[in-house]
Amino acid sequence: MTLDPGSAAIIQLAWARHLGLDDGAFAASLSSGERMVRADEAAETVEFVRLFGSSALVGPQWVIDAAAGIPDAEMAHHVTLLTLTRSHGGHGLGSAALFFADDLPLRQPSEELTVSHGNPEAIELEGLCPPDDVNEVRLSELENRYTILHEVDGLRVPVACAAYGEWEGLLAQMGVLVDPEWRRRGLGSVAASIAAHEALAAGLTIQWRAEVSNTGAVALARQLGLSTGGIQTSVHLG
């Protein structure tokens, strides 16, 4: 679905604040065609963000200087930041595709579902999923959780959870986790639709961050109808 221009402006504002830039920085960058930079000598993380055609780089001055002649398309690759920061211990984090939505079609389940808002069910589900998936979604950091329960041998067990947390007071950062034994049945889509509509009803714009190598998360974002907005590439220093 297409984002309203006002929603795109809200997204740009949220990211400008996250990166410590002026509120109108992304709009100014789009007009000038120049990359925004902010030197932070105490930064433990270097972040490059490409958003709706504008780009920003935040980190120590030495990495800003080293990146000055590198095109945005190349900066978006994690290997580029790793190469630039290798001598300063650069490692980890990777590249993530950014998806957004200010309206989504409601996905109706094929059967009646039981949905829990409780934390214990979400924690139980995390114990059923691979650690890499748990670490990427980070349900514990998303305070509004919607866990689909399924009855197995008389017990209700969690099979999928979608959650969101307020991000910079403007966006709803989304995450979805599904028990591997229950994947490919549409439960992730249904859970995500429930959480997304709750977030939209709260007046927030949806943000979905998916590691570029996580084909399942990227495919789910597109399946839900979210719009591609950009990419975030990050490395830790030291």
Protein backbone atom coordinates (compact mmCIF):
# COMPACT_ATOMS: atom_id res chain seq x y z
CA MET A 1 0.00 0.00 0.00
CA THR A 2 1.08 3.57 -0.62
CA LEU A 3 2.05 5.76 2.32
CA ASP A 4 0.40 9.12 2.82
CA PRO A 5 2.95 11.97 2.48
CA GLY A 6 2.12 13.03 6.02
CA SER A 7 2.99 9.55 7.29
CA ALA A 8 6.32 9.62 5.44
CA ALA A 9 7.09 12.94 7.14
CA ILE A 10 6.31 11.39 10.55
CA ILE A 11 8.64 8.47 9.78
CA GLN A 12 11.41 10.87 8.76
CA LEU A 13 10.90 12.86 11.95
CA ALA A 14 11.14 9.72 14.10
CA TRP A 15 14.36 8.63 12.44
CA ALA A 16 15.87 12.10 12.61
CA ARG A 17 15.29 12.10 16.36
CA HIS A 18 16.64 8.56 16.70
CA LEU A 19 19.85 9.59 14.94
CA GLY A 20 20.18 12.87 16.85
CA LEU A 21 19.57 15.04 13.76
CA ASP A 22 17.44 18.15 13.31
CA ASP A 23 13.74 17.38 12.90
CA GLY A 24 13.72 18.48 9.25
CA ALA A 25 17.02 16.85 8.34
CA PHE A 26 15.69 14.15 6.00
CA ALA A 27 13.56 16.59 4.01
CA ALA A 28 16.52 18.95 3.72
CA SER A 29 18.74 16.10 2.53
CA LEU A 30 16.25 15.12 -0.15
CA SER A 31 16.21 18.71 -1.44
CA SER A 32 19.99 19.12 -1.43
CA GLY A 33 20.85 15.59 -2.54
CA GLU A 34 23.59 15.48 0.09
CA ARG A 35 24.09 12.82 2.75
CA MET A 36 23.41 13.97 6.31
CA VAL A 37 26.17 13.30 8.80
CA ARG A 38 26.55 13.69 12.55
CA ALA A 39 29.90 13.21 14.22
CA ASP A 40 29.76 11.48 17.60
CA GLU A 41 33.21 10.68 18.95
CA ALA A 42 31.74 8.70 21.85
CA ALA A 43 29.55 6.53 19.61
CA GLU A 44 29.73 2.79 20.23
CA THR A 45 27.71 2.13 17.08
CA VAL A 46 27.97 3.44 13.52
CA GLU A 47 24.62 3.75 11.73
CA PHE A 48 23.88 4.36 8.07
CA VAL A 49 20.22 4.88 7.13
CA ARG A 50 18.69 5.29 3.69
CA LEU A 51 15.09 6.50 3.97
CA PHE A 52 12.78 7.59 1.13
CA GLY A 53 15.71 8.69 -1.00
CA SER A 54 17.61 10.52 1.76
CA SER A 55 20.61 9.14 3.64
CA ALA A 56 22.30 9.74 6.97
CA LEU A 57 25.49 8.51 8.63
CA VAL A 58 26.18 8.82 12.36
CA GLY A 59 29.46 7.87 14.01
CA PRO A 60 32.94 9.14 14.83
CA GLN A 61 34.43 11.73 12.47
CA TRP A 62 37.01 9.26 11.13
CA VAL A 63 34.30 6.99 9.69
CA ILE A 64 32.43 9.97 8.22
CA ASP A 65 35.62 11.06 6.49
CA ALA A 66 36.31 7.53 5.23
CA ALA A 67 32.78 7.21 3.82
CA ALA A 68 32.71 10.60 2.10
CA GLY A 69 33.37 9.27 -1.41
CA ILE A 70 31.35 6.06 -1.16
CA PRO A 71 27.92 6.01 -2.88
CA ASP A 72 24.81 5.34 -0.78
CA ALA A 73 24.10 2.08 -2.62
CA GLU A 74 27.46 0.75 -1.49
CA MET A 75 27.13 2.16 2.05
CA ALA A 76 23.93 0.16 2.47
CA HIS A 77 25.93 -3.08 2.34
CA HIS A 78 27.03 -4.31 5.74
CA VAL A 79 30.42 -5.36 4.38
CA THR A 80 31.17 -1.72 3.52
CA LEU A 81 30.74 -0.53 7.11
CA LEU A 82 32.67 -3.54 8.38
CA THR A 83 35.56 -2.69 6.06
CA LEU A 84 35.56 0.98 7.08
CA THR A 85 35.54 0.15 10.79
CA ARG A 86 37.68 -3.00 10.88
CA SER A 87 40.69 -1.20 12.35
CA HIS A 88 38.46 0.06 15.18
CA GLY A 89 36.94 -3.32 16.01
CA GLY A 90 33.80 -2.96 13.88
CA HIS A 91 31.58 -6.04 14.10
CA GLY A 92 28.03 -7.36 14.01
CA LEU A 93 24.51 -5.91 13.65
CA GLY A 94 24.09 -6.21 9.85
CA SER A 95 21.65 -4.62 7.41
CA ALA A 96 17.88 -4.45 7.81
CA ALA A 97 15.15 -3.55 5.34
CA LEU A 98 12.67 -0.99 6.67
CA PHE A 99 8.96 -1.33 5.90
CA PHE A 100 6.12 0.99 6.90
CA ALA A 101 2.33 1.31 6.79
CA ASP A 102 -0.34 3.80 7.81
CA ASP A 103 -3.23 1.53 6.77
CA LEU A 104 -3.55 -2.20 6.20
CA PRO A 105 -6.30 -4.61 5.11
CA LEU A 106 -7.66 -6.67 8.01
CA ARG A 107 -6.80 -10.35 7.65
CA GLN A 108 -9.62 -12.54 8.89
CA PRO A 109 -8.66 -15.93 10.42
CA SER A 110 -10.23 -19.05 8.93
CA GLU A 111 -11.29 -20.20 12.41
CA GLU A 112 -12.04 -18.69 15.80
CA LEU A 113 -8.84 -17.91 17.69
CA THR A 114 -7.91 -17.34 21.31
CA VAL A 115 -5.57 -14.38 21.70
CA SER A 116 -3.68 -13.61 24.91
CA HIS A 117 -2.20 -10.25 25.89
CA GLY A 118 -0.15 -11.81 28.68
CA ASN A 119 3.61 -11.86 29.03
CA PRO A 120 3.98 -15.50 30.22
CA GLU A 121 2.60 -16.86 26.95
CA ALA A 122 5.04 -14.77 24.91
CA ILE A 123 7.95 -15.98 27.07
CA GLU A 124 6.81 -19.58 26.65
CA LEU A 125 6.71 -19.12 22.88
CA GLU A 126 10.26 -17.76 22.87
CA GLY A 127 11.39 -21.00 24.50
CA LEU A 128 9.97 -22.93 21.53
CA CYS A 129 11.80 -20.88 18.89
CA PRO A 130 15.42 -20.77 17.64
CA PRO A 131 17.61 -18.28 19.57
CA ASP A 132 18.43 -16.31 16.39
CA ASP A 133 14.73 -15.67 15.78
CA VAL A 134 14.17 -14.72 19.42
CA ASN A 135 17.11 -12.28 19.38
CA GLU A 136 15.95 -10.63 16.17
CA VAL A 137 12.30 -10.13 17.19
CA ARG A 138 12.97 -9.27 20.87
CA LEU A 139 9.43 -9.66 22.11
CA SER A 140 10.53 -8.60 25.59
CA GLU A 141 11.19 -5.09 24.25
CA LEU A 142 7.73 -4.81 22.62
CA GLU A 143 5.23 -4.09 25.37
CA ASN A 144 1.99 -4.75 23.45
CA ARG A 145 1.77 -8.48 22.73
CA TYR A 146 -0.90 -10.54 20.97
CA THR A 147 -0.27 -14.28 21.28
CA ILE A 148 -2.40 -16.82 19.43
CA LEU A 149 -3.12 -19.89 21.57
CA HIS A 150 -4.06 -23.32 20.25
CA GLU A 151 -5.52 -26.15 22.27
CA VAL A 152 -3.30 -29.25 22.34
CA ASP A 153 -4.27 -32.23 24.54
CA GLY A 154 -6.57 -30.01 26.57
CA LEU A 155 -3.91 -27.33 27.12
CA ARG A 156 -3.70 -23.93 25.44
CA VAL A 157 -0.20 -23.47 24.03
CA PRO A 158 1.23 -20.40 22.29
CA VAL A 159 1.84 -20.88 18.57
CA ALA A 160 2.40 -17.32 17.28
CA CYS A 161 2.86 -13.86 18.72
CA ALA A 162 2.91 -10.41 17.15
CA ALA A 163 3.85 -7.40 19.22
CA TYR A 164 4.62 -3.73 18.93
CA GLY A 165 6.32 -1.08 21.01
CA GLU A 166 6.26 2.68 20.65
CA TRP A 167 9.41 3.91 18.91
CA GLU A 168 10.39 7.56 19.32
CA GLY A 169 6.78 8.18 20.41
CA LEU A 170 5.62 8.16 16.77
CA LEU A 171 6.01 4.69 15.28
CA ALA A 172 4.96 1.19 16.26
CA GLN A 173 7.98 -1.11 15.98
CA MET A 174 6.56 -4.53 15.02
CA GLY A 175 7.83 -8.04 15.57
CA VAL A 176 6.41 -11.51 14.91
CA LEU A 177 7.46 -14.90 16.27
CA VAL A 178 5.96 -18.26 15.27
CA ASP A 179 6.64 -21.72 16.70
CA PRO A 180 8.62 -23.55 13.96
CA GLU A 181 6.14 -26.45 14.12
CA TRP A 182 3.28 -24.06 13.28
CA ARG A 183 4.88 -22.07 10.48
CA ARG A 184 3.55 -21.85 6.91
CA ARG A 185 -0.06 -21.92 8.14
CA GLY A 186 -0.73 -18.19 8.00
CA LEU A 187 -0.63 -17.71 11.78
CA GLY A 188 2.16 -15.12 11.58
CA SER A 189 0.12 -13.05 9.13
CA VAL A 190 -2.98 -13.21 11.31
CA ALA A 191 -1.09 -12.29 14.49
CA ALA A 192 0.71 -9.45 12.70
CA SER A 193 -2.59 -8.11 11.36
CA ILE A 194 -4.09 -8.07 14.86
CA ALA A 195 -1.13 -6.22 16.36
CA ALA A 196 -0.83 -3.82 13.43
CA HIS A 197 -4.47 -2.75 13.63
CA GLU A 198 -4.19 -2.21 17.36
CA ALA A 199 -1.17 0.03 16.73
CA LEU A 200 -2.93 1.95 13.94
CA ALA A 201 -5.95 2.44 16.22
CA ALA A 202 -3.56 3.95 18.78
CA GLY A 203 -2.55 6.56 16.20
CA LEU A 204 0.87 5.09 15.38
CA THR A 205 2.49 4.39 12.02
CA ILE A 206 3.71 0.81 11.54
CA GLN A 207 7.44 0.13 11.28
CA TRP A 208 8.80 -3.31 10.40
CA ARG A 209 12.53 -3.97 10.52
CA ALA A 210 13.68 -7.21 8.86
CA GLU A 211 17.24 -8.44 8.43
CA VAL A 212 17.88 -8.56 4.67
CA SER A 213 18.98 -12.20 5.00
CA ASN A 214 15.73 -13.16 6.77
CA THR A 215 13.68 -14.00 3.69
CA GLY A 216 10.71 -15.11 5.79
CA ALA A 217 10.40 -11.78 7.63
CA VAL A 218 10.85 -9.79 4.40
CA ALA A 219 8.23 -11.92 2.63
CA LEU A 220 5.78 -11.52 5.54
CA ALA A 221 6.16 -7.74 5.49
CA ARG A 222 5.33 -7.66 1.79
CA GLN A 223 2.50 -10.14 2.21
CA LEU A 224 0.92 -7.89 4.83
CA GLY A 225 1.05 -4.96 2.41
CA LEU A 226 3.74 -2.85 4.06
CA SER A 227 5.63 -0.35 1.90
CA THR A 228 9.40 -0.51 1.45
CA GLY A 229 10.92 2.63 2.94
CA GLY A 230 14.66 2.10 3.15
CA ILE A 231 17.51 0.26 4.80
CA GLN A 232 19.50 0.52 8.03
CA THR A 233 23.08 -0.73 8.27
CA SER A 234 24.93 -0.78 11.58
CA VAL A 235 28.13 -1.97 13.23
CA HIS A 236 29.39 -2.02 16.80
CA LEU A 237 32.79 -0.52 17.55
CA GLY A 238 35.45 -1.94 19.85
